N, C-alpha and C. Protein backbone atom coordinates (compact mmCIF):
# COMPACT_ATOMS: atom_id res chain seq x y z
N MET A 1 24.83 -25.86 -18.25
CA MET A 1 25.63 -26.92 -19.11
C MET A 1 26.73 -26.26 -19.14
N LYS A 2 27.36 -26.90 -18.50
CA LYS A 2 29.20 -26.79 -18.48
C LYS A 2 29.76 -26.61 -20.08
N LYS A 3 30.46 -25.23 -19.61
CA LYS A 3 31.27 -24.57 -20.89
C LYS A 3 32.92 -24.86 -20.40
N ASN A 4 33.24 -24.53 -21.45
CA ASN A 4 35.07 -24.62 -21.58
C ASN A 4 34.98 -23.36 -21.60
N VAL A 5 35.86 -22.77 -20.58
CA VAL A 5 36.11 -20.93 -21.37
C VAL A 5 37.49 -20.54 -20.51
N LEU A 6 38.14 -19.88 -21.78
CA LEU A 6 39.35 -19.59 -21.13
C LEU A 6 39.42 -18.87 -21.02
N VAL A 7 40.34 -17.65 -19.73
CA VAL A 7 40.30 -16.81 -18.81
C VAL A 7 41.37 -16.08 -19.23
N GLN A 8 41.44 -14.70 -18.88
CA GLN A 8 43.10 -14.05 -19.21
C GLN A 8 43.45 -14.69 -17.77
N SER A 9 44.96 -14.75 -17.72
CA SER A 9 45.96 -15.26 -16.91
C SER A 9 45.61 -14.91 -15.57
N ASP A 10 45.60 -13.36 -15.40
CA ASP A 10 45.35 -12.95 -14.06
C ASP A 10 43.97 -12.28 -13.37
N LEU A 11 43.17 -13.10 -14.48
CA LEU A 11 41.56 -12.98 -13.05
C LEU A 11 41.30 -14.06 -12.69
N GLU A 12 41.84 -14.77 -11.89
CA GLU A 12 41.53 -15.40 -10.73
C GLU A 12 40.21 -15.56 -10.00
N ASN A 13 39.61 -14.47 -9.31
CA ASN A 13 38.81 -14.71 -8.98
C ASN A 13 37.68 -15.06 -10.18
N ILE A 14 37.68 -14.70 -11.03
CA ILE A 14 36.64 -14.75 -11.99
C ILE A 14 36.77 -16.49 -12.81
N LYS A 15 37.80 -17.40 -12.66
CA LYS A 15 38.42 -18.22 -12.99
C LYS A 15 37.34 -19.33 -11.86
N LYS A 16 37.81 -18.52 -10.52
CA LYS A 16 37.52 -19.56 -9.31
C LYS A 16 35.58 -19.35 -9.30
N GLY A 17 35.10 -18.57 -9.34
CA GLY A 17 33.61 -18.37 -10.19
C GLY A 17 33.03 -18.66 -11.16
N LEU A 18 33.81 -19.25 -12.00
CA LEU A 18 33.02 -19.75 -13.46
C LEU A 18 33.49 -21.34 -13.05
N ASN A 19 34.58 -21.69 -12.11
CA ASN A 19 34.47 -23.27 -11.57
C ASN A 19 33.85 -23.50 -11.01
N GLU A 20 33.38 -22.75 -10.11
CA GLU A 20 32.12 -22.94 -9.20
C GLU A 20 30.66 -22.84 -9.31
N LEU A 21 30.77 -21.77 -11.06
CA LEU A 21 29.28 -22.34 -11.59
C LEU A 21 29.34 -23.70 -12.42
N GLY A 22 30.38 -24.38 -12.24
CA GLY A 22 30.10 -25.33 -13.09
C GLY A 22 31.23 -25.32 -14.49
N HIS A 23 31.21 -24.07 -14.73
CA HIS A 23 32.50 -24.27 -16.37
C HIS A 23 33.89 -24.76 -15.98
N SER A 24 34.24 -25.36 -17.24
CA SER A 24 35.59 -25.85 -16.92
C SER A 24 36.56 -24.83 -17.87
N VAL A 25 37.73 -24.11 -16.96
CA VAL A 25 38.18 -23.08 -17.18
C VAL A 25 39.28 -23.89 -17.78
N VAL A 26 39.87 -23.69 -19.20
CA VAL A 26 41.08 -24.30 -19.70
C VAL A 26 41.64 -23.48 -20.41
N ASP A 27 43.07 -23.97 -20.43
CA ASP A 27 44.50 -23.48 -20.64
C ASP A 27 44.33 -23.57 -22.50
N MET A 28 45.04 -22.44 -23.17
CA MET A 28 45.45 -22.69 -24.30
C MET A 28 45.80 -23.64 -25.21
N GLU A 29 46.52 -24.90 -24.40
CA GLU A 29 47.01 -25.46 -24.47
C GLU A 29 46.28 -26.82 -24.22
N THR A 30 45.19 -27.03 -24.05
CA THR A 30 44.33 -28.44 -23.76
C THR A 30 43.99 -29.03 -25.09
N GLY A 31 43.67 -28.32 -25.93
CA GLY A 31 43.14 -28.56 -27.02
C GLY A 31 42.07 -29.06 -27.22
N VAL A 32 41.15 -28.72 -26.31
CA VAL A 32 39.42 -28.70 -26.11
C VAL A 32 39.20 -27.65 -26.97
N ASP A 33 37.34 -28.01 -27.58
CA ASP A 33 37.21 -26.72 -27.64
C ASP A 33 36.09 -25.80 -27.11
N ILE A 34 36.56 -24.45 -27.25
CA ILE A 34 36.85 -22.95 -26.33
C ILE A 34 35.17 -22.50 -26.70
N ASP A 35 34.34 -22.58 -25.52
CA ASP A 35 33.16 -21.96 -25.61
C ASP A 35 32.92 -20.24 -25.40
N ALA A 36 34.15 -19.95 -25.09
CA ALA A 36 34.32 -18.21 -24.49
C ALA A 36 35.49 -18.04 -23.70
N ILE A 37 35.96 -16.74 -24.49
CA ILE A 37 37.37 -15.88 -23.81
C ILE A 37 36.72 -15.22 -22.98
N VAL A 38 37.34 -15.13 -21.79
CA VAL A 38 36.68 -13.85 -20.63
C VAL A 38 38.26 -13.22 -20.69
N TYR A 39 38.55 -12.04 -21.06
CA TYR A 39 38.91 -11.12 -20.94
C TYR A 39 38.67 -9.27 -20.19
N MET A 40 40.12 -8.30 -19.32
CA MET A 40 39.27 -7.32 -18.98
C MET A 40 40.32 -6.23 -19.68
N ALA A 41 38.94 -5.57 -20.38
CA ALA A 41 39.63 -4.19 -20.93
C ALA A 41 39.10 -2.99 -20.42
N ASP A 42 39.89 -2.18 -20.72
CA ASP A 42 39.65 -0.56 -20.29
C ASP A 42 39.19 0.53 -21.16
N GLY A 43 39.31 -0.25 -22.21
CA GLY A 43 39.50 0.95 -23.17
C GLY A 43 40.81 1.21 -23.91
N ALA A 44 41.90 1.26 -23.26
CA ALA A 44 43.14 1.73 -23.43
C ALA A 44 43.99 0.81 -23.39
N ASN A 45 43.99 -0.16 -22.68
CA ASN A 45 45.26 -1.27 -21.83
C ASN A 45 44.64 -2.39 -22.66
N VAL A 46 45.09 -2.88 -24.14
CA VAL A 46 45.09 -3.92 -24.96
C VAL A 46 46.08 -4.56 -25.22
N ASN A 47 47.30 -4.60 -24.17
CA ASN A 47 48.21 -4.93 -24.66
C ASN A 47 48.65 -6.94 -24.82
N TYR A 48 47.68 -7.17 -24.44
CA TYR A 48 47.32 -8.91 -24.59
C TYR A 48 46.26 -9.02 -25.95
N HIS A 49 45.72 -8.00 -26.90
CA HIS A 49 45.11 -8.34 -28.00
C HIS A 49 45.79 -9.22 -28.51
N ASN A 50 46.91 -9.37 -29.01
CA ASN A 50 48.07 -10.50 -30.13
C ASN A 50 47.27 -12.13 -29.56
N GLN A 51 47.53 -12.26 -28.09
CA GLN A 51 47.56 -13.22 -27.44
C GLN A 51 45.47 -13.58 -27.95
N ILE A 52 44.63 -13.01 -27.78
CA ILE A 52 43.42 -13.19 -27.66
C ILE A 52 43.37 -13.61 -29.64
N MET A 53 43.78 -12.93 -29.86
CA MET A 53 43.63 -13.13 -31.56
C MET A 53 44.35 -14.60 -31.96
N ASP A 54 45.42 -15.00 -30.90
CA ASP A 54 46.07 -16.14 -31.54
C ASP A 54 45.29 -16.98 -31.00
N VAL A 55 44.62 -17.17 -29.68
CA VAL A 55 43.77 -17.81 -29.53
C VAL A 55 42.81 -18.21 -29.71
N GLY A 56 41.92 -17.14 -31.12
CA GLY A 56 40.86 -16.92 -32.26
C GLY A 56 41.14 -18.04 -33.23
N GLU A 57 42.50 -18.10 -33.72
CA GLU A 57 42.67 -18.98 -34.75
C GLU A 57 43.25 -20.28 -34.25
N ASN A 58 43.45 -20.87 -32.69
CA ASN A 58 43.99 -22.05 -33.13
C ASN A 58 42.56 -22.55 -32.00
N ILE A 59 41.43 -21.88 -31.92
CA ILE A 59 40.16 -22.81 -31.32
C ILE A 59 39.69 -23.86 -31.98
N LEU A 60 39.57 -25.35 -31.65
CA LEU A 60 38.98 -26.31 -32.48
C LEU A 60 37.52 -25.95 -33.26
N ASN A 61 36.47 -25.20 -32.21
CA ASN A 61 35.57 -25.46 -32.35
C ASN A 61 35.08 -24.53 -33.55
N ASN A 62 34.08 -24.63 -34.58
CA ASN A 62 33.94 -24.56 -35.55
C ASN A 62 32.40 -24.11 -35.66
N ASN A 63 32.00 -23.73 -34.39
CA ASN A 63 30.77 -23.12 -34.15
C ASN A 63 31.00 -21.57 -32.97
N GLY A 64 32.84 -21.30 -32.97
CA GLY A 64 33.03 -19.53 -32.51
C GLY A 64 33.10 -19.84 -31.15
N ALA A 65 33.60 -18.81 -30.59
CA ALA A 65 34.06 -18.67 -29.05
C ALA A 65 33.59 -17.15 -29.20
N ILE A 66 32.47 -17.26 -28.03
CA ILE A 66 32.32 -15.70 -27.65
C ILE A 66 33.46 -15.24 -26.50
N LEU A 67 33.58 -13.78 -27.00
CA LEU A 67 34.57 -12.95 -26.23
C LEU A 67 33.74 -12.14 -25.44
N ILE A 68 34.35 -11.89 -24.18
CA ILE A 68 33.69 -11.44 -23.16
C ILE A 68 34.30 -10.36 -22.37
N ASN A 69 34.58 -9.20 -22.59
CA ASN A 69 35.31 -8.38 -21.95
C ASN A 69 34.55 -7.97 -20.05
N ALA A 70 35.40 -8.84 -19.17
CA ALA A 70 34.68 -8.77 -18.26
C ALA A 70 34.67 -7.40 -17.31
N THR A 71 35.22 -6.25 -17.64
CA THR A 71 35.32 -4.87 -17.12
C THR A 71 33.64 -4.79 -16.58
N GLY A 72 33.36 -4.48 -15.34
CA GLY A 72 31.97 -3.89 -15.06
C GLY A 72 31.07 -5.29 -14.72
N LYS A 73 31.72 -6.38 -14.80
CA LYS A 73 30.80 -7.29 -14.44
C LYS A 73 30.65 -8.35 -13.48
N THR A 74 29.40 -8.67 -13.36
CA THR A 74 29.56 -9.22 -12.18
C THR A 74 29.69 -11.20 -12.40
N ILE A 75 29.86 -11.78 -11.52
CA ILE A 75 30.51 -13.48 -12.14
C ILE A 75 28.97 -13.80 -12.70
N GLU A 76 28.02 -13.43 -12.12
CA GLU A 76 26.87 -14.12 -12.61
C GLU A 76 26.50 -13.47 -14.23
N ASP A 77 26.83 -12.29 -14.25
CA ASP A 77 26.87 -11.38 -15.65
C ASP A 77 27.56 -12.13 -16.42
N ILE A 78 28.99 -12.49 -16.39
CA ILE A 78 29.69 -13.30 -17.16
C ILE A 78 29.15 -14.37 -17.32
N ASP A 79 28.72 -15.39 -16.59
CA ASP A 79 27.54 -16.93 -16.44
C ASP A 79 26.39 -16.37 -17.56
N ASN A 80 25.90 -15.80 -17.82
CA ASN A 80 24.95 -15.57 -18.18
C ASN A 80 24.96 -15.33 -19.91
N MET A 81 25.84 -14.66 -19.52
CA MET A 81 26.59 -13.95 -21.76
C MET A 81 27.13 -15.89 -21.81
N ILE A 82 28.11 -16.28 -20.98
CA ILE A 82 28.43 -17.69 -21.42
C ILE A 82 27.41 -18.44 -21.91
N ASN A 83 26.36 -19.03 -21.12
CA ASN A 83 24.94 -19.69 -21.34
C ASN A 83 24.45 -19.02 -22.39
N ASN A 84 24.23 -17.89 -22.55
CA ASN A 84 23.21 -17.79 -23.70
C ASN A 84 23.64 -16.88 -25.13
N LYS A 85 24.93 -16.91 -24.75
CA LYS A 85 25.79 -16.55 -25.91
C LYS A 85 25.50 -14.86 -26.17
N VAL A 86 25.24 -14.10 -25.16
CA VAL A 86 24.97 -12.50 -25.20
C VAL A 86 25.63 -11.91 -25.13
N TYR A 87 25.58 -10.98 -26.18
CA TYR A 87 27.06 -9.82 -26.02
C TYR A 87 26.64 -8.95 -25.27
N SER A 88 27.40 -8.17 -24.60
CA SER A 88 27.01 -6.77 -23.74
C SER A 88 26.72 -5.33 -24.72
N PRO A 89 25.97 -4.30 -24.44
CA PRO A 89 26.24 -3.50 -25.05
C PRO A 89 27.48 -2.89 -25.57
N LEU A 90 28.24 -1.70 -26.36
CA LEU A 90 28.66 -1.24 -26.53
C LEU A 90 29.28 -0.09 -26.00
N GLY A 91 27.84 0.87 -25.59
CA GLY A 91 28.10 1.56 -24.88
C GLY A 91 27.86 2.72 -25.77
N LEU A 92 28.56 2.41 -27.43
CA LEU A 92 28.16 3.37 -28.04
C LEU A 92 27.23 4.71 -28.48
N ARG A 93 27.41 5.91 -28.07
CA ARG A 93 26.15 6.81 -28.31
C ARG A 93 26.20 7.65 -29.57
N GLY A 94 24.64 8.02 -30.16
CA GLY A 94 25.30 8.42 -31.13
C GLY A 94 24.66 9.91 -31.17
């Protein structure tokens, strides 16, 4: 099923891959419901955090959007997470 996905601006390969898998990569200004937001973070560099949070406040979809950190994930992993609204493990150890 086609989903509307907002992807961090510099992740061109992910945008291309999601388009090839049938998803619609949208801009924040398009005014459509957003199903997922894909970004890349290494745990230290989160300088775009405010941008992601601003997007979250502007989403028209009352069902919410899944946030996906693309770090270390294949396009197939990301596609599965979008389609199934599955979160990845946080990697926390007790």
